[in-house]
């Protein structure tokens, strides 16, 4: 075998090994991406379950059937936030009504 042929064979082997290595790494990265996607999907489903649990607990709090003091303590600030939201929604409705009537907005006194 000539030196040129040996050189060509080594280059071809090197290219094949490199291509194989790149293919393996690509497959590994694809698997990593799939697993990360699955983890994210499961985490989103878990968050949905937590939200469902929270809604159920809050519904029981509002119905007066929640007896766990820790859960009651978590629900009370939520009630305060809902009250603030209702007040701001009313303020927004008042502003829109005044705008339609062409009246200047009233200061809410807050």
C-alpha atoms as a PDB file:
ATOM      1  CA  UNK A   1       0.000   0.000   0.000  1.00  0.00           C
ATOM      2  CA  UNK A   2       1.262   3.383  -0.830  1.00  0.00           C
ATOM      3  CA  UNK A   3       1.678   6.194   1.631  1.00  0.00           C
ATOM      4  CA  UNK A   4      -0.987   8.215  -0.152  1.00  0.00           C
ATOM      5  CA  UNK A   5      -3.466   5.351   0.087  1.00  0.00           C
ATOM      6  CA  UNK A   6      -2.738   4.906   3.810  1.00  0.00           C
ATOM      7  CA  UNK A   7      -3.258   8.610   4.348  1.00  0.00           C
ATOM      8  CA  UNK A   8      -6.589   8.490   2.507  1.00  0.00           C
ATOM      9  CA  UNK A   9      -7.677   5.443   4.555  1.00  0.00           C
ATOM     10  CA  UNK A  10      -6.797   7.208   7.822  1.00  0.00           C
ATOM     11  CA  UNK A  11      -8.696  10.330   6.749  1.00  0.00           C
ATOM     12  CA  UNK A  12     -11.735   8.245   5.767  1.00  0.00           C
ATOM     13  CA  UNK A  13     -11.613   6.349   9.100  1.00  0.00           C
ATOM     14  CA  UNK A  14     -11.274   9.604  10.992  1.00  0.00           C
ATOM     15  CA  UNK A  15     -14.212  11.142   9.148  1.00  0.00           C
ATOM     16  CA  UNK A  16     -16.353   8.046   9.801  1.00  0.00           C
ATOM     17  CA  UNK A  17     -15.444   8.023  13.487  1.00  0.00           C
ATOM     18  CA  UNK A  18     -16.216  11.741  13.693  1.00  0.00           C
ATOM     19  CA  UNK A  19     -19.541  11.273  11.947  1.00  0.00           C
ATOM     20  CA  UNK A  20     -20.417   8.401  14.271  1.00  0.00           C
ATOM     21  CA  UNK A  21     -19.478  10.501  17.287  1.00  0.00           C
ATOM     22  CA  UNK A  22     -21.577  13.424  16.037  1.00  0.00           C
ATOM     23  CA  UNK A  23     -24.528  11.101  15.394  1.00  0.00           C
ATOM     24  CA  UNK A  24     -24.292   9.645  18.928  1.00  0.00           C
ATOM     25  CA  UNK A  25     -24.084  13.101  20.480  1.00  0.00           C
ATOM     26  CA  UNK A  26     -27.050  14.270  18.389  1.00  0.00           C
ATOM     27  CA  UNK A  27     -29.091  11.289  19.583  1.00  0.00           C
ATOM     28  CA  UNK A  28     -28.098  11.987  23.192  1.00  0.00           C
ATOM     29  CA  UNK A  29     -29.059  15.649  22.899  1.00  0.00           C
ATOM     30  CA  UNK A  30     -32.385  14.686  21.322  1.00  0.00           C
ATOM     31  CA  UNK A  31     -33.081  12.308  24.224  1.00  0.00           C
ATOM     32  CA  UNK A  32     -32.142  15.037  26.713  1.00  0.00           C
ATOM     33  CA  UNK A  33     -34.572  17.423  24.988  1.00  0.00           C
ATOM     34  CA  UNK A  34     -37.369  14.825  25.013  1.00  0.00           C
ATOM     35  CA  UNK A  35     -36.839  14.098  28.711  1.00  0.00           C
ATOM     36  CA  UNK A  36     -36.780  17.810  29.561  1.00  0.00           C
ATOM     37  CA  UNK A  37     -39.991  18.294  27.581  1.00  0.00           C
ATOM     38  CA  UNK A  38     -41.647  15.405  29.415  1.00  0.00           C
ATOM     39  CA  UNK A  39     -40.506  16.794  32.781  1.00  0.00           C
ATOM     40  CA  UNK A  40     -41.951  20.197  31.878  1.00  0.00           C
ATOM     41  CA  UNK A  41     -45.225  18.614  30.813  1.00  0.00           C
ATOM     42  CA  UNK A  42     -45.490  16.640  34.044  1.00  0.00           C
ATOM     43  CA  UNK A  43     -44.638  19.726  36.105  1.00  0.00           C
ATOM     44  CA  UNK A  44     -47.410  21.656  34.360  1.00  0.00           C
ATOM     45  CA  UNK A  45     -49.867  18.850  35.106  1.00  0.00           C
ATOM     46  CA  UNK A  46     -48.742  18.858  38.731  1.00  0.00           C
ATOM     47  CA  UNK A  47     -49.279  22.618  38.969  1.00  0.00           C
ATOM     48  CA  UNK A  48     -52.795  22.098  37.586  1.00  0.00           C
ATOM     49  CA  UNK A  49     -53.483  19.559  40.332  1.00  0.00           C
ATOM     50  CA  UNK A  50     -52.161  21.989  42.963  1.00  0.00           C
ATOM     51  CA  UNK A  51     -54.451  24.673  41.549  1.00  0.00           C
ATOM     52  CA  UNK A  52     -57.414  22.285  41.706  1.00  0.00           C
ATOM     53  CA  UNK A  53     -56.574  21.447  45.322  1.00  0.00           C
ATOM     54  CA  UNK A  54     -56.311  25.139  46.159  1.00  0.00           C
ATOM     55  CA  UNK A  55     -59.676  25.891  44.566  1.00  0.00           C
ATOM     56  CA  UNK A  56     -61.300  23.080  46.520  1.00  0.00           C
ATOM     57  CA  UNK A  57     -59.764  24.252  49.795  1.00  0.00           C
ATOM     58  CA  UNK A  58     -60.825  27.840  49.094  1.00  0.00           C
ATOM     59  CA  UNK A  59     -64.372  26.735  48.246  1.00  0.00           C
ATOM     60  CA  UNK A  60     -64.547  24.925  51.566  1.00  0.00           C
ATOM     61  CA  UNK A  61     -63.176  28.004  53.325  1.00  0.00           C
ATOM     62  CA  UNK A  62     -65.909  30.139  51.767  1.00  0.00           C
ATOM     63  CA  UNK A  63     -68.542  27.562  52.683  1.00  0.00           C
ATOM     64  CA  UNK A  64     -67.316  27.626  56.277  1.00  0.00           C
ATOM     65  CA  UNK A  65     -66.464  23.916  56.263  1.00  0.00           C
ATOM     66  CA  UNK A  66     -62.681  24.271  56.410  1.00  0.00           C
ATOM     67  CA  UNK A  67     -61.428  23.464  59.891  1.00  0.00           C
ATOM     68  CA  UNK A  68     -57.660  23.184  59.455  1.00  0.00           C
ATOM     69  CA  UNK A  69     -56.186  26.380  60.969  1.00  0.00           C
ATOM     70  CA  UNK A  70     -53.155  26.332  58.660  1.00  0.00           C
ATOM     71  CA  UNK A  71     -55.362  26.199  55.592  1.00  0.00           C
ATOM     72  CA  UNK A  72     -57.672  28.881  56.979  1.00  0.00           C
ATOM     73  CA  UNK A  73     -54.613  31.092  57.533  1.00  0.00           C
ATOM     74  CA  UNK A  74     -53.649  30.600  53.881  1.00  0.00           C
ATOM     75  CA  UNK A  75     -57.146  31.422  52.643  1.00  0.00           C
ATOM     76  CA  UNK A  76     -57.571  34.677  54.568  1.00  0.00           C
ATOM     77  CA  UNK A  77     -54.989  36.674  52.546  1.00  0.00           C
ATOM     78  CA  UNK A  78     -56.583  35.334  49.360  1.00  0.00           C
ATOM     79  CA  UNK A  79     -59.896  36.787  50.504  1.00  0.00           C
ATOM     80  CA  UNK A  80     -58.208  40.156  51.085  1.00  0.00           C
ATOM     81  CA  UNK A  81     -56.706  40.055  47.587  1.00  0.00           C
ATOM     82  CA  UNK A  82     -60.081  39.206  46.082  1.00  0.00           C
ATOM     83  CA  UNK A  83     -61.567  42.196  47.914  1.00  0.00           C
ATOM     84  CA  UNK A  84     -58.900  44.483  46.475  1.00  0.00           C
ATOM     85  CA  UNK A  85     -59.555  43.095  42.991  1.00  0.00           C
ATOM     86  CA  UNK A  86     -63.319  43.686  43.372  1.00  0.00           C
ATOM     87  CA  UNK A  87     -62.715  47.279  44.507  1.00  0.00           C
ATOM     88  CA  UNK A  88     -60.390  47.964  41.570  1.00  0.00           C
ATOM     89  CA  UNK A  89     -62.799  46.355  39.114  1.00  0.00           C
ATOM     90  CA  UNK A  90     -65.558  48.618  40.449  1.00  0.00           C
ATOM     91  CA  UNK A  91     -63.268  51.632  40.137  1.00  0.00           C
ATOM     92  CA  UNK A  92     -62.528  50.655  36.540  1.00  0.00           C
ATOM     93  CA  UNK A  93     -66.241  50.251  35.778  1.00  0.00           C
ATOM     94  CA  UNK A  94     -66.924  53.667  37.329  1.00  0.00           C
ATOM     95  CA  UNK A  95     -64.176  55.230  35.231  1.00  0.00           C
ATOM     96  CA  UNK A  96     -65.573  53.699  32.068  1.00  0.00           C
ATOM     97  CA  UNK A  97     -69.100  54.848  32.912  1.00  0.00           C
ATOM     98  CA  UNK A  98     -67.885  58.373  33.598  1.00  0.00           C
ATOM     99  CA  UNK A  99     -65.964  58.349  30.325  1.00  0.00           C
ATOM    100  CA  UNK A 100     -69.056  57.321  28.366  1.00  0.00           C
ATOM    101  CA  UNK A 101     -71.097  60.095  30.029  1.00  0.00           C
ATOM    102  CA  UNK A 102     -68.347  62.616  29.346  1.00  0.00           C
ATOM    103  CA  UNK A 103     -67.871  63.291  33.059  1.00  0.00           C
ATOM    104  CA  UNK A 104     -64.485  63.782  34.648  1.00  0.00           C
ATOM    105  CA  UNK A 105     -63.393  60.774  36.718  1.00  0.00           C
ATOM    106  CA  UNK A 106     -64.058  60.968  40.443  1.00  0.00           C
ATOM    107  CA  UNK A 107     -61.159  60.472  42.851  1.00  0.00           C
ATOM    108  CA  UNK A 108     -61.801  57.269  44.765  1.00  0.00           C
ATOM    109  CA  UNK A 109     -60.274  58.737  47.901  1.00  0.00           C
ATOM    110  CA  UNK A 110     -57.728  55.917  48.205  1.00  0.00           C
END
